[in-house]
Amino acid sequence: MTVKTLVSALSAAVLATVLISTGSATAAPYTAQFRGDGSSSFGFAWEYARRDARDKAVADGFADPATQCEEIFSFGNPFDAMVIWECTR
């Protein structure tokens, strides 16, 4: 085997290893928390707080907050509310 053939074979093996390894790497999950605040004189504060948290999650790149997020904390009453959502993708 000549040196030129050996270098070509090694280059092909290295290139194949790089191409295979870059395709099989998986990204670590990304988790973030979003605080939503809401107030309403008609008693819709909880809905406004949840919408605020959902909008913040969508702005951060969570495509489907209904399946990617869960409400981990809520505090308030029908007229003033605060929620915290934790989202993972």
C-alpha atoms as a PDB file:
ATOM      1  CA  MET A   1       0.000   0.000   0.000  1.00  0.00           C
ATOM      2  CA  THR A   2       1.449   3.341  -0.962  1.00  0.00           C
ATOM      3  CA  VAL A   3       1.488   6.393   1.289  1.00  0.00           C
ATOM      4  CA  LYS A   4      -0.974   8.179  -0.977  1.00  0.00           C
ATOM      5  CA  THR A   5      -3.465   5.290  -0.748  1.00  0.00           C
ATOM      6  CA  LEU A   6      -3.026   5.085   3.010  1.00  0.00           C
ATOM      7  CA  VAL A   7      -3.663   8.824   3.438  1.00  0.00           C
ATOM      8  CA  SER A   8      -6.769   8.605   1.261  1.00  0.00           C
ATOM      9  CA  ALA A   9      -8.130   5.688   3.284  1.00  0.00           C
ATOM     10  CA  LEU A  10      -7.478   7.457   6.577  1.00  0.00           C
ATOM     11  CA  SER A  11      -9.069  10.681   5.306  1.00  0.00           C
ATOM     12  CA  ALA A  12     -12.184   8.778   4.264  1.00  0.00           C
ATOM     13  CA  ALA A  13     -12.383   7.061   7.659  1.00  0.00           C
ATOM     14  CA  VAL A  14     -12.005  10.363   9.532  1.00  0.00           C
ATOM     15  CA  LEU A  15     -14.609  12.045   7.340  1.00  0.00           C
ATOM     16  CA  ALA A  16     -17.070   9.186   7.897  1.00  0.00           C
ATOM     17  CA  THR A  17     -16.518   9.359  11.664  1.00  0.00           C
ATOM     18  CA  VAL A  18     -17.136  13.105  11.724  1.00  0.00           C
ATOM     19  CA  LEU A  19     -20.287  12.847   9.620  1.00  0.00           C
ATOM     20  CA  ILE A  20     -21.718  10.000  11.691  1.00  0.00           C
ATOM     21  CA  SER A  21     -20.891  11.522  15.069  1.00  0.00           C
ATOM     22  CA  THR A  22     -22.368  14.948  14.285  1.00  0.00           C
ATOM     23  CA  GLY A  23     -25.667  13.396  13.240  1.00  0.00           C
ATOM     24  CA  SER A  24     -26.066  11.243  16.322  1.00  0.00           C
ATOM     25  CA  ALA A  25     -25.453  13.921  18.948  1.00  0.00           C
ATOM     26  CA  THR A  26     -28.572  14.894  20.879  1.00  0.00           C
ATOM     27  CA  ALA A  27     -29.123  18.258  22.486  1.00  0.00           C
ATOM     28  CA  ALA A  28     -29.687  18.511  26.209  1.00  0.00           C
ATOM     29  CA  PRO A  29     -33.261  19.400  27.200  1.00  0.00           C
ATOM     30  CA  TYR A  30     -33.935  23.083  27.751  1.00  0.00           C
ATOM     31  CA  THR A  31     -36.112  24.061  30.741  1.00  0.00           C
ATOM     32  CA  ALA A  32     -37.309  27.562  31.578  1.00  0.00           C
ATOM     33  CA  GLN A  33     -39.807  29.143  33.960  1.00  0.00           C
ATOM     34  CA  PHE A  34     -42.215  31.904  33.005  1.00  0.00           C
ATOM     35  CA  ARG A  35     -44.149  34.140  35.376  1.00  0.00           C
ATOM     36  CA  GLY A  36     -47.547  35.309  34.252  1.00  0.00           C
ATOM     37  CA  ASP A  37     -49.423  38.150  35.942  1.00  0.00           C
ATOM     38  CA  GLY A  38     -53.072  39.059  35.518  1.00  0.00           C
ATOM     39  CA  SER A  39     -55.611  41.418  36.958  1.00  0.00           C
ATOM     40  CA  SER A  40     -59.247  41.964  36.123  1.00  0.00           C
ATOM     41  CA  SER A  41     -62.178  43.771  37.634  1.00  0.00           C
ATOM     42  CA  PHE A  42     -64.466  41.083  36.123  1.00  0.00           C
ATOM     43  CA  GLY A  43     -62.792  38.058  37.747  1.00  0.00           C
ATOM     44  CA  PHE A  44     -60.672  36.817  34.819  1.00  0.00           C
ATOM     45  CA  ALA A  45     -57.266  37.311  36.484  1.00  0.00           C
ATOM     46  CA  TRP A  46     -56.350  33.601  36.371  1.00  0.00           C
ATOM     47  CA  GLU A  47     -56.980  33.413  32.633  1.00  0.00           C
ATOM     48  CA  TYR A  48     -54.989  36.596  31.997  1.00  0.00           C
ATOM     49  CA  ALA A  49     -52.081  35.330  34.129  1.00  0.00           C
ATOM     50  CA  ARG A  50     -52.015  32.001  32.274  1.00  0.00           C
ATOM     51  CA  ARG A  51     -52.176  33.773  28.920  1.00  0.00           C
ATOM     52  CA  ASP A  52     -49.279  36.019  29.979  1.00  0.00           C
ATOM     53  CA  ALA A  53     -47.149  32.979  30.915  1.00  0.00           C
ATOM     54  CA  ARG A  54     -48.105  31.201  27.669  1.00  0.00           C
ATOM     55  CA  ASP A  55     -47.202  34.238  25.559  1.00  0.00           C
ATOM     56  CA  LYS A  56     -43.792  34.453  27.249  1.00  0.00           C
ATOM     57  CA  ALA A  57     -43.182  30.746  26.582  1.00  0.00           C
ATOM     58  CA  VAL A  58     -44.109  31.129  22.907  1.00  0.00           C
ATOM     59  CA  ALA A  59     -41.786  34.147  22.635  1.00  0.00           C
ATOM     60  CA  ASP A  60     -38.962  31.964  24.006  1.00  0.00           C
ATOM     61  CA  GLY A  61     -39.535  29.352  21.289  1.00  0.00           C
ATOM     62  CA  PHE A  62     -41.880  26.814  22.853  1.00  0.00           C
ATOM     63  CA  ALA A  63     -44.094  25.870  19.920  1.00  0.00           C
ATOM     64  CA  ASP A  64     -46.772  24.014  21.899  1.00  0.00           C
ATOM     65  CA  PRO A  65     -47.033  25.274  25.506  1.00  0.00           C
ATOM     66  CA  ALA A  66     -50.070  23.064  26.135  1.00  0.00           C
ATOM     67  CA  THR A  67     -47.866  19.942  25.994  1.00  0.00           C
ATOM     68  CA  GLN A  68     -44.452  21.388  26.858  1.00  0.00           C
ATOM     69  CA  CYS A  69     -45.408  23.384  29.957  1.00  0.00           C
ATOM     70  CA  GLU A  70     -46.986  22.795  33.332  1.00  0.00           C
ATOM     71  CA  GLU A  71     -48.193  25.226  35.965  1.00  0.00           C
ATOM     72  CA  ILE A  72     -45.973  24.752  39.016  1.00  0.00           C
ATOM     73  CA  PHE A  73     -47.187  27.668  41.169  1.00  0.00           C
ATOM     74  CA  SER A  74     -50.251  29.887  41.377  1.00  0.00           C
ATOM     75  CA  PHE A  75     -51.257  32.581  43.814  1.00  0.00           C
ATOM     76  CA  GLY A  76     -54.025  35.128  43.968  1.00  0.00           C
ATOM     77  CA  ASN A  77     -57.754  35.521  43.656  1.00  0.00           C
ATOM     78  CA  PRO A  78     -60.154  36.050  40.735  1.00  0.00           C
ATOM     79  CA  PHE A  79     -59.200  39.726  40.558  1.00  0.00           C
ATOM     80  CA  ASP A  80     -55.382  39.524  40.955  1.00  0.00           C
ATOM     81  CA  ALA A  81     -53.367  36.420  40.079  1.00  0.00           C
ATOM     82  CA  MET A  82     -49.836  35.217  39.433  1.00  0.00           C
ATOM     83  CA  VAL A  83     -48.754  31.865  37.963  1.00  0.00           C
ATOM     84  CA  ILE A  84     -45.426  30.266  37.160  1.00  0.00           C
ATOM     85  CA  TRP A  85     -45.111  27.842  34.266  1.00  0.00           C
ATOM     86  CA  GLU A  86     -42.165  25.491  33.770  1.00  0.00           C
ATOM     87  CA  CYS A  87     -41.553  24.474  30.179  1.00  0.00           C
ATOM     88  CA  THR A  88     -39.196  21.835  28.781  1.00  0.00           C
ATOM     89  CA  ARG A  89     -38.223  21.033  25.201  1.00  0.00           C
END
